[in-house]
Amino acid sequence: MKTTFAVHWQYGVATHAGWFGTRNDDRSLLRIGATNEGEPYAVAVIADGMGGIGDGSLASDCAIEGVRQWLDTRLSGILELKDIWSQLDASVERLFYDINIQLLQLGKEAGTQMGTTLTLLFLLRETYYVCHVGDCRIYQFGSRLSPFMQLTKDQTWTAEQVRKRRISREAARNHAKRHVLLQSLGLQDCPKLVKRRGFYDPNHLFLLCSDGLYDRLPNSRIASILRQAELSKSDLQQLSERLVDSALDSQAIDNISVMLLRPLHSHLSAGQRIWHRMKNLHMLLPVTWRK
């Protein structure tokens, strides 16, 4: 496929059901636009439906449709406000909880459970905002100080054991419980959301993926593929397909989804970038958990 550009952004998307997969419960969504002042923004979303307990495709469809409606009806109003970030945070949190309520109701009507992960990335004014539940991931690639950084926390049983230093990262990669989710939408009355905000530079690369990718490829391998692609100037559609193919070559049996997004340049001057970062230094906080 040809290189995909949208004025201020380059992107690529690829997905596969995995070896022996009969259906794909992963869903993704990308929305690119501009504020009334002409400032470019992007919203990237990925959801991984839990097919083992109910209709995973229906659950992830419901989550993505909920985000789509929010983008159509709520985001434009938020972007007109003076205090965008606090209003965005409150609105996205409400969105996640509303989707959770809808999935709980669908599951009740169907006599089963409807569960999905949901991970959202919002980019504006060289600031990123993440809201996340489950085990999809967002990576940021390209900073000299931190060339490859995972912006999300996996809400899985094994990830929790690693954080508590009860098992090693190496043991977690092949543990029988590595796919057991502690948090998701549709299974709990009040899921815990992981949120994060920070900064990015022009030409930084963001990678969103479902667990089917990193289950087969460790972070070091993903970073190596991204680094090689940067050196060879690969376009992002080719790169997204290469990541999926690499997971398949490693005998991936789970659904695999990849979304890559890169801001091509900055609409801000150097002075404006410094001013925005100084103004928003309070946003550089550790990952926060919201009940």
Protein backbone atom coordinates (compact mmCIF):
# COMPACT_ATOMS: atom_id res chain seq x y z
CA MET A 1 0.00 0.00 0.00
CA LYS A 2 1.12 3.56 -0.61
CA THR A 3 2.35 5.92 2.05
CA THR A 4 -0.55 7.48 3.92
CA PHE A 5 -0.39 11.19 4.74
CA ALA A 6 -3.01 13.52 6.16
CA VAL A 7 -1.41 16.98 5.94
CA HIS A 8 0.18 16.99 9.41
CA TRP A 9 0.34 13.25 10.07
CA GLN A 10 1.66 10.04 8.62
CA TYR A 11 0.05 6.77 9.66
CA GLY A 12 -0.23 3.06 9.00
CA VAL A 13 -2.64 0.36 10.18
CA ALA A 14 -2.46 -3.42 9.94
CA THR A 15 -4.28 -6.35 11.55
CA HIS A 16 -4.44 -10.13 11.32
CA ALA A 17 -6.50 -12.82 13.04
CA GLY A 18 -3.34 -14.82 13.81
CA TRP A 19 -2.45 -18.35 12.83
CA PHE A 20 -5.48 -20.62 13.22
CA GLY A 21 -7.66 -17.64 14.11
CA THR A 22 -11.24 -17.89 12.88
CA ARG A 23 -12.15 -14.27 13.59
CA ASN A 24 -10.56 -11.02 14.64
CA ASP A 25 -11.95 -9.29 17.75
CA ASP A 26 -9.51 -6.34 17.51
CA ARG A 27 -10.82 -2.97 16.39
CA SER A 28 -9.13 0.40 15.81
CA LEU A 29 -10.06 3.95 14.90
CA LEU A 30 -8.10 7.01 13.79
CA ARG A 31 -9.51 10.53 13.63
CA ILE A 32 -7.44 13.45 12.32
CA GLY A 33 -8.60 17.06 12.34
CA ALA A 34 -7.86 20.64 13.36
CA THR A 35 -9.14 23.08 15.96
CA ASN A 36 -10.86 26.31 14.99
CA GLU A 37 -7.43 27.98 15.22
CA GLY A 38 -6.00 25.50 12.73
CA GLU A 39 -4.04 23.45 15.26
CA PRO A 40 -3.77 19.82 14.07
CA TYR A 41 -4.88 17.02 16.38
CA ALA A 42 -5.14 13.25 16.13
CA VAL A 43 -7.05 10.63 18.11
CA ALA A 44 -6.01 6.97 17.83
CA VAL A 45 -7.95 4.19 19.55
CA ILE A 46 -7.53 0.42 19.80
CA ALA A 47 -9.79 -2.19 21.42
CA ASP A 48 -9.32 -5.94 21.90
CA GLY A 49 -12.57 -7.80 22.51
CA MET A 50 -12.48 -10.73 24.94
CA GLY A 51 -13.70 -13.57 22.76
CA GLY A 52 -13.17 -16.25 25.41
CA ILE A 53 -16.06 -15.14 27.60
CA GLY A 54 -18.68 -13.82 25.19
CA ASP A 55 -18.95 -11.96 21.91
CA GLY A 56 -15.59 -10.20 21.79
CA SER A 57 -16.30 -8.65 18.39
CA LEU A 58 -19.55 -7.12 19.62
CA ALA A 59 -17.81 -5.74 22.71
CA SER A 60 -14.96 -4.10 20.78
CA ASP A 61 -17.42 -2.82 18.15
CA CYS A 62 -19.48 -1.23 20.92
CA ALA A 63 -16.41 0.44 22.42
CA ILE A 64 -15.19 1.85 19.11
CA GLU A 65 -18.67 3.07 18.17
CA GLY A 66 -18.91 4.81 21.54
CA VAL A 67 -15.64 6.61 20.84
CA ARG A 68 -16.81 7.50 17.33
CA GLN A 69 -19.97 9.11 18.70
CA TRP A 70 -17.94 11.02 21.28
CA LEU A 71 -15.66 12.32 18.54
CA ASP A 72 -18.67 13.42 16.49
CA THR A 73 -20.61 15.08 19.30
CA ARG A 74 -18.27 16.13 22.12
CA LEU A 75 -14.68 16.68 21.03
CA SER A 76 -15.24 19.81 18.94
CA GLY A 77 -16.79 21.59 21.91
CA ILE A 78 -13.89 20.63 24.17
CA LEU A 79 -11.36 21.94 21.66
CA GLU A 80 -12.99 25.38 21.82
CA LEU A 81 -12.44 25.66 25.59
CA LYS A 82 -9.60 27.55 27.21
CA ASP A 83 -8.75 24.71 29.59
CA ILE A 84 -8.73 21.86 27.09
CA TRP A 85 -6.78 19.30 29.08
CA SER A 86 -8.84 19.10 32.27
CA GLN A 87 -12.09 19.08 30.27
CA LEU A 88 -10.73 16.43 27.91
CA ASP A 89 -9.68 14.28 30.85
CA ALA A 90 -13.11 14.48 32.48
CA SER A 91 -14.94 13.83 29.22
CA VAL A 92 -12.82 10.83 28.22
CA GLU A 93 -13.19 9.33 31.68
CA ARG A 94 -16.97 9.69 31.38
CA LEU A 95 -16.79 8.11 27.91
CA PHE A 96 -15.00 5.02 29.21
CA TYR A 97 -17.47 4.59 32.07
CA ASP A 98 -20.45 5.06 29.75
CA ILE A 99 -19.11 2.35 27.44
CA ASN A 100 -18.62 0.12 30.47
CA ILE A 101 -22.25 0.61 31.52
CA GLN A 102 -23.45 -0.16 28.00
CA LEU A 103 -21.41 -3.37 27.86
CA LEU A 104 -22.68 -4.48 31.26
CA GLN A 105 -26.23 -3.97 30.01
CA LEU A 106 -25.55 -5.84 26.75
CA GLY A 107 -24.07 -8.72 28.70
CA LYS A 108 -27.05 -8.83 31.03
CA GLU A 109 -29.45 -8.95 28.10
CA ALA A 110 -27.44 -11.68 26.38
CA GLY A 111 -26.99 -13.75 29.53
CA THR A 112 -23.19 -13.56 29.29
CA GLN A 113 -20.34 -11.07 29.68
CA MET A 114 -19.19 -8.58 27.06
CA GLY A 115 -15.61 -7.54 27.77
CA THR A 116 -13.06 -5.48 25.89
CA THR A 117 -9.90 -3.49 26.43
CA LEU A 118 -9.82 0.13 25.27
CA THR A 119 -6.82 2.41 24.77
CA LEU A 120 -7.01 6.01 23.52
CA LEU A 121 -4.24 8.39 22.45
CA PHE A 122 -4.88 12.11 21.87
CA LEU A 123 -2.24 14.37 20.33
CA LEU A 124 -2.37 18.19 20.25
CA ARG A 125 0.19 21.01 20.59
CA GLU A 126 3.03 18.48 21.00
CA THR A 127 1.26 17.11 24.07
CA TYR A 128 -0.04 13.57 24.34
CA TYR A 129 -2.87 12.30 26.53
CA VAL A 130 -3.50 8.60 27.17
CA CYS A 131 -6.51 6.88 28.73
CA HIS A 132 -6.30 3.12 28.95
CA VAL A 133 -7.86 0.00 30.41
CA GLY A 134 -6.70 -3.56 29.72
CA ASP A 135 -3.55 -4.82 28.01
CA CYS A 136 -3.22 -3.08 24.66
CA ARG A 137 -0.16 -0.87 24.58
CA ILE A 138 1.07 2.52 23.39
CA TYR A 139 4.77 3.08 22.73
CA GLN A 140 6.56 6.37 22.03
CA PHE A 141 9.67 6.13 19.87
CA GLY A 142 12.28 8.70 18.95
CA SER A 143 13.39 10.69 21.99
CA ARG A 144 17.13 10.97 22.61
CA LEU A 145 16.60 10.63 26.36
CA SER A 146 14.12 7.78 26.02
CA PRO A 147 14.32 6.27 22.53
CA PHE A 148 11.60 3.66 23.19
CA MET A 149 9.09 4.09 25.99
CA GLN A 150 5.90 2.23 26.88
CA LEU A 151 3.26 4.78 27.88
CA THR A 152 0.65 2.32 29.19
CA LYS A 153 0.60 -0.20 32.02
CA ASP A 154 -0.58 -3.74 31.33
CA GLN A 155 -3.48 -4.54 33.64
CA THR A 156 -2.83 -8.28 33.69
CA TRP A 157 -2.16 -10.79 36.44
CA THR A 158 1.43 -11.36 35.31
CA ALA A 159 2.20 -7.64 34.95
CA GLU A 160 0.96 -7.10 38.50
CA GLN A 161 3.20 -9.92 39.75
CA VAL A 162 6.18 -8.36 37.97
CA ARG A 163 5.46 -4.96 39.52
CA LYS A 164 5.33 -6.65 42.94
CA ARG A 165 8.61 -8.44 42.10
CA ARG A 166 7.07 -11.85 42.60
CA ILE A 167 8.07 -13.07 39.14
CA SER A 168 10.58 -11.85 36.57
CA ARG A 169 9.71 -10.21 33.25
CA GLU A 170 11.21 -13.21 31.50
CA ALA A 171 8.98 -15.62 33.43
CA ALA A 172 5.93 -13.44 32.75
CA ARG A 173 6.41 -13.64 28.97
CA ASN A 174 5.59 -17.35 28.91
CA HIS A 175 3.42 -17.64 32.02
CA ALA A 176 0.12 -19.50 31.64
CA LYS A 177 -1.74 -16.53 33.16
CA ARG A 178 -0.16 -13.80 31.00
CA HIS A 179 -3.49 -13.14 29.24
CA VAL A 180 -5.57 -12.94 32.44
CA LEU A 181 -6.92 -9.38 32.65
CA LEU A 182 -7.43 -7.62 35.97
CA GLN A 183 -9.23 -4.65 34.41
CA SER A 184 -11.40 -4.22 31.32
CA LEU A 185 -14.66 -2.67 30.21
CA GLY A 186 -17.84 -4.72 30.58
CA LEU A 187 -16.81 -6.94 33.48
CA GLN A 188 -16.67 -4.60 36.49
CA ASP A 189 -18.92 -1.88 37.82
CA CYS A 190 -16.05 0.59 38.16
CA PRO A 191 -12.91 -0.34 36.22
CA LYS A 192 -9.61 1.35 37.01
CA LEU A 193 -8.41 3.63 34.23
CA VAL A 194 -4.74 4.33 33.56
CA LYS A 195 -4.04 7.91 32.46
CA ARG A 196 -0.91 9.68 31.36
CA ARG A 197 0.10 13.00 29.83
CA GLY A 198 3.39 14.22 28.47
CA PHE A 199 5.18 15.79 25.52
CA TYR A 200 6.35 14.71 22.10
CA ASP A 201 8.51 16.25 19.41
CA PRO A 202 7.92 16.48 15.66
CA ASN A 203 8.68 13.19 13.93
CA HIS A 204 8.25 11.15 17.10
CA LEU A 205 6.51 7.87 16.36
CA PHE A 206 3.61 6.40 18.35
CA LEU A 207 2.74 2.71 18.17
CA LEU A 208 -0.58 1.32 19.40
CA CYS A 209 -0.93 -2.46 19.43
CA SER A 210 -2.94 -5.33 20.84
CA ASP A 211 -1.31 -8.04 22.93
CA GLY A 212 -1.01 -10.29 19.89
CA LEU A 213 2.03 -8.26 18.83
CA TYR A 214 4.07 -8.05 22.02
CA ASP A 215 3.10 -11.57 23.10
CA ARG A 216 5.35 -12.76 20.25
CA LEU A 217 7.80 -9.85 20.03
CA PRO A 218 9.56 -8.51 23.15
CA ASN A 219 10.04 -4.77 23.49
CA SER A 220 13.66 -5.05 22.40
CA ARG A 221 12.60 -6.70 19.13
CA ILE A 222 9.86 -4.14 18.47
CA ALA A 223 12.33 -1.30 19.11
CA SER A 224 14.85 -2.92 16.75
CA ILE A 225 12.29 -3.15 13.95
CA LEU A 226 11.31 0.50 14.43
CA ARG A 227 14.95 1.58 14.47
CA GLN A 228 15.74 -0.30 11.28
CA ALA A 229 12.66 1.19 9.61
CA GLU A 230 13.70 4.71 10.60
CA LEU A 231 17.14 4.16 9.09
CA SER A 232 15.69 2.82 5.85
CA LYS A 233 13.01 5.55 5.72
CA SER A 234 10.18 3.00 5.49
CA ASP A 235 6.70 4.44 5.29
CA LEU A 236 4.36 3.64 8.16
CA GLN A 237 1.99 1.40 6.24
CA GLN A 238 4.86 -0.84 5.23
CA LEU A 239 6.20 -0.75 8.78
CA SER A 240 2.85 -1.68 10.34
CA GLU A 241 2.59 -4.66 7.99
CA ARG A 242 6.19 -5.65 8.79
CA LEU A 243 5.43 -5.68 12.52
CA VAL A 244 2.39 -7.92 12.01
CA ASP A 245 4.37 -10.22 9.71
CA SER A 246 7.15 -10.47 12.30
CA ALA A 247 4.65 -11.58 14.94
CA LEU A 248 3.20 -14.13 12.53
CA ASP A 249 6.70 -15.41 11.78
CA SER A 250 7.00 -16.00 15.53
CA GLN A 251 3.92 -18.25 15.45
CA ALA A 252 1.36 -15.73 16.72
CA ILE A 253 -1.99 -17.40 17.33
CA ASP A 254 -3.80 -14.41 18.86
CA ASN A 255 -5.30 -11.47 16.96
CA ILE A 256 -2.64 -8.87 16.07
CA SER A 257 -3.36 -5.20 15.47
CA VAL A 258 -0.91 -2.34 14.90
CA MET A 259 -1.45 1.38 14.42
CA LEU A 260 1.43 3.78 13.79
CA LEU A 261 1.12 7.57 13.95
CA ARG A 262 3.74 10.26 13.38
CA PRO A 263 3.42 14.07 13.45
CA LEU A 264 5.28 15.30 10.39
CA HIS A 265 6.20 18.77 11.63
CA SER A 266 5.34 21.31 14.28
CA HIS A 267 2.98 24.23 13.79
CA LEU A 268 4.64 25.84 16.84
CA SER A 269 7.75 27.97 16.86
CA ALA A 270 10.65 27.02 19.14
CA GLY A 271 9.57 29.73 21.57
CA GLN A 272 5.97 28.51 21.57
CA ARG A 273 7.12 24.94 22.24
CA ILE A 274 9.10 26.06 25.27
CA TRP A 275 6.17 28.17 26.52
CA HIS A 276 3.69 25.29 26.19
CA ARG A 277 5.99 22.92 28.02
CA MET A 278 6.74 25.32 30.83
CA LYS A 279 3.02 26.04 31.17
CA ASN A 280 2.15 22.34 31.28
CA LEU A 281 5.01 20.96 33.38
CA HIS A 282 2.43 19.84 35.94
CA MET A 283 1.31 17.23 33.41
CA LEU A 284 4.60 15.34 33.65
CA LEU A 285 3.35 13.06 36.39
CA PRO A 286 3.64 9.31 36.87
CA VAL A 287 0.90 7.11 35.46
CA THR A 288 -2.29 7.74 37.43
CA TRP A 289 -4.95 5.22 38.36
CA ARG A 290 -8.56 6.34 38.51
CA LYS A 291 -11.31 4.34 40.17
